Amino acid sequence: MTTPPALLLVGHGTRDDAGADAFRSFVADLGKRNPELAVAGGFIELSPPPLADAVAELVAAGVSRVAAVPLMLVSAGHAKGDIPAALAREKQRHSGLSYTYGRPLGPHPALLSVLERRLDEALGETRRTPADRADTMVLLVGRGSTDPDANAEVYKAARLLWEGRGYAGVETAFVSLAAPDVPAGLDRCRTLGARRVVVLPYFLFTGILPERVRQQTAGWAAANPETEVVSADVLGPTDELADLVLERYREAVGGDLRMNCDSCVYRIALPGFEDKVGLPQQPHYHPDDDGDGHSHSHGHGHGHGHGHVHAG
């Protein structure tokens, strides 16, 4: 019987130890749930283990075929450029290695169900009736990106979360790199007449940015006591997330990738981003890749090329 390709999970990385531990724990649990697969995971920056170490671990175990799944909610510059570039480097580094590359996780009905559960948990046992939902506005807060396509995916998730669930509305904000920010999003909810707002972080695991969302929410709530504001939790390592990763794995192995290119700034001239069309692949420098440490600055925009590298 042919050995199935290994599952390689690729994370962004975080300076928050709890967030990095959550990723590593999720990878380990996924391996235990699927003993028939070789499973490994690595980060493209900031946190150990770097992706190169995860690939080396698989190769040392005799793996020659890999299906890589980005453990990311939206297809921003890292998923479009950095991870394919890193995989290409690993193919050059390890003779005989081949790979396929899956797509990011969201928005997906399974994750929308988890978001709904996080909202119910935030509202509490006594406030889960249809009337309570009708009085509740949700502010879905994404990471934020210099890629408009990635930001648009967060808006799509917000709209899908709103449809059919009975909330007064679902607005969108970002914690970095894109507008509106969290205070501006809460201002909008108040202007629209919200009496209660649940701030819902659109993040897989805890980390510096989700904590920043919580702090900014608390600051706004203290300055606006007339509006009830509640903070919800991140998605977390749920069964739904594990099942979705396996779904993305099977897509990659089967070649059913369905990459979204309709509004990609590297293919389509979008207003204000015309200079990005046709740019060559330009992944930014990753110090983790050559052992120089884990420091990295996000003070610049990412000028990634967009080759949609799926297989090697």
Protein backbone atom coordinates (compact mmCIF):
# COMPACT_ATOMS: atom_id res chain seq x y z
CA MET A 1 0.00 0.00 0.00
CA THR A 2 1.31 3.46 -0.92
CA THR A 3 2.22 5.66 2.00
CA PRO A 4 0.12 8.85 1.98
CA PRO A 5 1.89 12.22 1.77
CA ALA A 6 2.86 13.76 5.08
CA LEU A 7 0.78 16.62 6.46
CA LEU A 8 2.86 19.74 7.05
CA LEU A 9 1.12 22.54 8.96
CA VAL A 10 2.58 26.00 8.41
CA GLY A 11 1.97 28.77 10.94
CA HIS A 12 2.84 32.45 10.86
CA GLY A 13 4.55 32.62 14.25
CA THR A 14 4.08 34.85 17.27
CA ARG A 15 6.14 36.39 20.04
CA ASP A 16 3.49 35.16 22.48
CA ASP A 17 4.58 31.89 24.10
CA ALA A 18 1.00 30.75 24.75
CA GLY A 19 0.07 31.26 21.10
CA ALA A 20 3.11 29.33 19.85
CA ASP A 21 2.39 26.55 22.37
CA ALA A 22 -1.20 26.34 21.13
CA PHE A 23 0.02 25.77 17.57
CA ARG A 24 2.55 23.14 18.62
CA SER A 25 -0.04 21.37 20.79
CA PHE A 26 -2.55 21.38 17.94
CA VAL A 27 0.01 19.81 15.59
CA ALA A 28 0.81 17.11 18.15
CA ASP A 29 -2.88 16.36 18.79
CA LEU A 30 -3.58 16.17 15.05
CA GLY A 31 -0.82 13.58 14.72
CA LYS A 32 -2.33 11.50 17.53
CA ARG A 33 -5.78 11.71 15.90
CA ASN A 34 -4.39 10.53 12.54
CA PRO A 35 -1.74 7.89 13.27
CA GLU A 36 -1.76 6.80 9.62
CA LEU A 37 -0.21 10.16 8.64
CA ALA A 38 3.17 11.67 9.30
CA VAL A 39 2.31 15.10 10.75
CA ALA A 40 4.65 17.99 11.47
CA GLY A 41 4.37 21.74 11.83
CA GLY A 42 6.60 24.78 11.66
CA PHE A 43 6.53 28.57 11.56
CA ILE A 44 7.73 30.94 8.86
CA GLU A 45 8.98 33.42 11.46
CA LEU A 46 9.11 34.50 15.11
CA SER A 47 8.55 31.10 16.79
CA PRO A 48 10.28 27.73 16.93
CA PRO A 49 10.33 25.36 15.22
CA PRO A 50 11.04 27.06 11.89
CA LEU A 51 9.50 25.45 8.84
CA ALA A 52 12.92 24.19 7.73
CA ASP A 53 13.23 22.11 10.92
CA ALA A 54 9.75 20.62 10.46
CA VAL A 55 10.60 19.56 6.90
CA ALA A 56 13.96 18.15 8.01
CA GLU A 57 12.13 16.11 10.67
CA LEU A 58 9.85 14.59 8.03
CA VAL A 59 12.69 13.90 5.61
CA ALA A 60 14.70 12.21 8.37
CA ALA A 61 11.70 9.93 8.95
CA GLY A 62 11.77 8.87 5.30
CA VAL A 63 9.10 11.20 3.94
CA SER A 64 9.44 12.21 0.28
CA ARG A 65 5.95 13.62 -0.41
CA VAL A 66 4.39 16.45 1.57
CA ALA A 67 1.01 18.20 1.50
CA ALA A 68 1.41 21.60 3.16
CA VAL A 69 -1.59 23.35 4.71
CA PRO A 70 -1.26 26.98 5.86
CA LEU A 71 -2.80 27.25 9.32
CA MET A 72 -4.14 30.69 8.46
CA LEU A 73 -7.65 32.08 8.09
CA VAL A 74 -7.09 34.32 5.08
CA SER A 75 -4.92 34.26 1.98
CA ALA A 76 -2.65 37.24 2.59
CA GLY A 77 0.98 37.77 1.59
CA HIS A 78 2.35 34.97 3.76
CA ALA A 79 0.04 32.34 2.26
CA LYS A 80 0.41 33.70 -1.28
CA GLY A 81 4.14 34.33 -1.36
CA ASP A 82 6.24 33.43 1.67
CA ILE A 83 5.07 29.87 2.20
CA PRO A 84 5.37 28.82 -1.48
CA ALA A 85 8.84 30.38 -1.53
CA ALA A 86 9.82 28.55 1.66
CA LEU A 87 8.54 25.25 0.24
CA ALA A 88 10.52 25.84 -2.95
CA ARG A 89 13.65 26.38 -0.86
CA GLU A 90 13.03 23.14 1.00
CA LYS A 91 12.63 21.27 -2.27
CA GLN A 92 16.03 22.56 -3.34
CA ARG A 93 17.49 21.67 0.05
CA HIS A 94 16.17 18.09 0.08
CA SER A 95 16.73 16.12 -3.10
CA GLY A 96 13.73 13.95 -4.00
CA LEU A 97 11.22 15.94 -1.94
CA SER A 98 7.94 16.86 -3.65
CA TYR A 99 5.03 18.82 -2.27
CA THR A 100 1.54 20.09 -2.91
CA TYR A 101 0.22 23.23 -1.29
CA GLY A 102 -3.28 23.60 0.14
CA ARG A 103 -5.36 26.69 0.68
CA PRO A 104 -6.04 28.71 3.84
CA LEU A 105 -8.85 27.72 6.16
CA GLY A 106 -11.53 30.37 6.04
CA PRO A 107 -14.19 31.36 5.67
CA HIS A 108 -15.70 27.91 6.12
CA PRO A 109 -19.06 26.82 7.58
CA ALA A 110 -17.33 24.77 10.27
CA LEU A 111 -15.41 27.79 11.51
CA LEU A 112 -18.51 29.98 11.33
CA SER A 113 -20.17 27.48 13.67
CA VAL A 114 -17.28 27.85 16.11
CA LEU A 115 -17.55 31.64 15.91
CA GLU A 116 -21.25 31.35 16.71
CA ARG A 117 -20.42 29.19 19.71
CA ARG A 118 -17.88 31.74 20.94
CA LEU A 119 -20.58 34.42 20.68
CA ASP A 120 -23.01 32.33 22.72
CA GLU A 121 -20.34 31.71 25.35
CA ALA A 122 -19.62 35.45 25.56
CA LEU A 123 -23.31 36.29 25.95
CA GLY A 124 -23.70 33.74 28.75
CA GLU A 125 -26.34 31.18 29.61
CA THR A 126 -29.04 33.76 30.36
CA ARG A 127 -28.74 35.75 27.13
CA ARG A 128 -29.06 33.33 24.23
CA THR A 129 -32.65 33.85 23.11
CA PRO A 130 -33.58 35.14 19.63
CA ALA A 131 -34.52 38.46 21.28
CA ASP A 132 -31.04 38.72 22.79
CA ARG A 133 -29.44 38.11 19.40
CA ALA A 134 -31.68 40.72 17.83
CA ASP A 135 -30.35 43.23 20.37
CA THR A 136 -26.72 42.23 19.85
CA MET A 137 -24.30 43.57 17.26
CA VAL A 138 -21.07 41.70 16.56
CA LEU A 139 -17.71 43.27 15.71
CA LEU A 140 -15.57 40.67 13.94
CA VAL A 141 -11.91 41.72 14.25
CA GLY A 142 -9.36 40.38 11.80
CA ARG A 143 -5.60 40.62 11.85
CA GLY A 144 -5.41 43.17 9.03
CA SER A 145 -3.22 43.11 5.92
CA THR A 146 -1.74 45.31 3.23
CA ASP A 147 -3.46 42.93 0.78
CA PRO A 148 -7.04 44.14 0.06
CA ASP A 149 -8.08 40.64 -1.02
CA ALA A 150 -7.19 39.30 2.43
CA ASN A 151 -9.13 42.07 4.17
CA ALA A 152 -12.11 41.39 1.91
CA GLU A 153 -12.14 37.75 3.08
CA VAL A 154 -12.73 38.97 6.65
CA TYR A 155 -15.70 40.99 5.43
CA LYS A 156 -17.00 37.89 3.67
CA ALA A 157 -16.72 35.91 6.92
CA ALA A 158 -18.61 38.68 8.73
CA ARG A 159 -21.45 38.62 6.23
CA LEU A 160 -21.69 34.83 6.33
CA LEU A 161 -21.78 34.96 10.13
CA TRP A 162 -24.63 37.47 10.00
CA GLU A 163 -26.78 35.54 7.53
CA GLY A 164 -29.53 33.53 9.20
CA ARG A 165 -28.31 33.85 12.77
CA GLY A 166 -30.49 36.72 13.93
CA TYR A 167 -27.90 39.22 15.17
CA ALA A 168 -28.65 42.91 14.79
CA GLY A 169 -25.61 43.10 12.54
CA VAL A 170 -22.02 41.98 12.09
CA GLU A 171 -19.48 44.74 11.51
CA THR A 172 -15.79 44.34 10.71
CA ALA A 173 -12.58 45.86 12.07
CA PHE A 174 -8.85 45.10 12.05
CA VAL A 175 -6.21 45.23 14.75
CA SER A 176 -3.31 46.19 12.45
CA LEU A 177 -2.40 47.41 8.96
CA ALA A 178 -5.97 48.12 7.81
CA ALA A 179 -8.94 50.32 8.66
CA PRO A 180 -11.23 50.50 10.50
CA ASP A 181 -9.40 49.76 13.73
CA VAL A 182 -11.15 48.37 16.81
CA PRO A 183 -12.21 51.71 18.36
CA ALA A 184 -13.51 52.93 14.99
CA GLY A 185 -15.44 49.69 14.54
CA LEU A 186 -17.02 50.08 17.95
CA ASP A 187 -17.87 53.70 17.13
CA ARG A 188 -19.67 52.47 14.03
CA CYS A 189 -21.64 49.90 16.02
CA ARG A 190 -22.72 52.59 18.48
CA THR A 191 -23.69 54.96 15.65
CA LEU A 192 -25.82 52.20 14.14
CA GLY A 193 -27.75 52.02 17.41
CA ALA A 194 -26.16 49.01 19.09
CA ARG A 195 -27.05 48.60 22.75
CA ARG A 196 -24.84 45.56 23.14
CA VAL A 197 -21.70 44.67 21.15
CA VAL A 198 -19.74 41.42 21.25
CA VAL A 199 -16.17 41.87 19.99
CA LEU A 200 -15.21 38.62 18.30
CA PRO A 201 -11.52 38.08 17.41
CA TYR A 202 -11.09 36.29 14.08
CA PHE A 203 -7.96 34.42 15.17
CA LEU A 204 -7.17 30.73 15.53
CA PHE A 205 -5.17 30.92 18.75
CA THR A 206 -4.30 33.36 21.49
CA GLY A 207 -1.41 35.75 20.95
CA ILE A 208 -0.23 39.33 21.08
CA LEU A 209 -2.77 40.62 18.55
CA PRO A 210 -5.86 38.98 20.11
CA GLU A 211 -4.75 40.36 23.47
CA ARG A 212 -4.42 43.79 21.85
CA VAL A 213 -8.00 43.45 20.60
CA ARG A 214 -9.14 42.72 24.15
CA GLN A 215 -7.21 45.69 25.58
CA GLN A 216 -8.53 48.11 22.97
CA THR A 217 -12.05 46.82 23.58
CA ALA A 218 -11.71 47.36 27.32
CA GLY A 219 -10.41 50.89 26.76
CA TRP A 220 -13.31 51.82 24.48
CA ALA A 221 -15.86 50.26 26.86
CA ALA A 222 -14.49 52.28 29.79
CA ALA A 223 -14.88 55.48 27.78
CA ASN A 224 -18.38 54.56 26.55
CA PRO A 225 -20.24 53.07 29.53
CA GLU A 226 -23.64 53.60 27.88
CA THR A 227 -22.89 50.72 25.50
CA GLU A 228 -22.58 47.17 26.83
CA VAL A 229 -19.43 45.60 25.39
CA VAL A 230 -18.42 41.94 25.75
CA SER A 231 -15.21 40.25 24.56
CA ALA A 232 -15.41 36.77 23.03
CA ASP A 233 -12.61 34.20 22.79
CA VAL A 234 -10.54 33.14 19.78
CA LEU A 235 -11.57 30.10 17.76
CA GLY A 236 -9.15 27.72 19.51
CA PRO A 237 -8.06 24.13 18.77
CA THR A 238 -11.52 22.66 18.25
CA ASP A 239 -12.61 19.41 16.60
CA GLU A 240 -14.02 21.50 13.76
CA LEU A 241 -10.60 23.02 13.11
CA ALA A 242 -8.93 19.62 13.11
CA ASP A 243 -11.50 18.26 10.65
CA LEU A 244 -11.08 21.29 8.39
CA VAL A 245 -7.30 20.90 8.29
CA LEU A 246 -7.81 17.31 7.14
CA GLU A 247 -10.26 18.54 4.52
CA ARG A 248 -7.66 21.02 3.22
CA TYR A 249 -5.08 18.20 3.27
CA ARG A 250 -7.30 15.95 1.15
CA GLU A 251 -7.92 18.81 -1.29
CA ALA A 252 -4.18 19.32 -1.70
CA VAL A 253 -3.48 15.62 -2.17
CA GLY A 254 -6.34 15.27 -4.65
CA GLY A 255 -5.47 18.41 -6.59
CA ASP A 256 -8.79 20.13 -5.73
CA LEU A 257 -7.26 23.46 -4.70
CA ARG A 258 -9.68 26.12 -6.03
CA MET A 259 -7.31 29.00 -5.27
CA ASN A 260 -9.05 32.37 -5.33
CA CYS A 261 -7.42 34.63 -7.93
CA ASP A 262 -10.40 36.80 -8.91
CA SER A 263 -9.34 39.77 -6.78
CA CYS A 264 -5.62 39.17 -6.35
CA VAL A 265 -3.54 42.37 -6.52
CA TYR A 266 -0.74 40.47 -8.27
CA ARG A 267 -3.02 39.52 -11.17
CA ILE A 268 -5.74 42.17 -11.27
CA ALA A 269 -5.24 45.96 -11.32
CA LEU A 270 -7.19 47.10 -8.27
CA PRO A 271 -7.46 50.83 -7.51
CA GLY A 272 -4.41 51.98 -5.58
CA PHE A 273 -2.55 48.70 -6.09
CA GLU A 274 -1.84 48.84 -9.82
CA ASP A 275 1.93 48.74 -9.24
CA LYS A 276 1.71 45.22 -7.78
CA VAL A 277 0.42 43.50 -10.94
CA GLY A 278 2.91 41.01 -12.30
CA LEU A 279 5.50 41.52 -9.57
CA PRO A 280 8.02 38.66 -9.33
CA GLN A 281 8.14 36.43 -6.26
CA GLN A 282 9.81 38.47 -3.51
CA PRO A 283 9.47 36.74 -0.14
CA HIS A 284 10.86 38.81 2.69
CA TYR A 285 13.92 37.75 4.63
CA HIS A 286 13.40 35.08 7.26
CA PRO A 287 16.21 35.01 9.83
CA ASP A 288 14.87 31.72 11.19
CA ASP A 289 15.86 30.04 7.95
CA ASP A 290 19.58 30.47 8.53
CA GLY A 291 19.70 30.26 12.30
CA ASP A 292 20.24 33.95 13.06
CA GLY A 293 17.38 34.20 15.54
CA HIS A 294 13.68 34.92 15.61
CA SER A 295 13.43 38.69 15.39
CA HIS A 296 11.39 40.22 12.60
CA SER A 297 9.76 43.56 11.97
CA HIS A 298 6.35 44.11 10.42
CA GLY A 299 6.93 47.79 9.87
CA HIS A 300 6.88 47.37 6.11
CA GLY A 301 4.36 46.27 3.55
CA HIS A 302 4.93 42.93 1.88
CA GLY A 303 5.63 43.10 -1.84
CA HIS A 304 5.08 39.45 -2.57
CA GLY A 305 4.95 37.95 -5.98
CA HIS A 306 2.14 35.57 -6.67
CA GLY A 307 3.02 32.43 -8.55
CA HIS A 308 0.50 30.07 -6.88
CA VAL A 309 3.15 27.38 -6.51
CA HIS A 310 1.26 24.18 -5.76
CA ALA A 311 3.58 21.32 -6.55
CA GLY A 312 7.22 20.60 -6.93
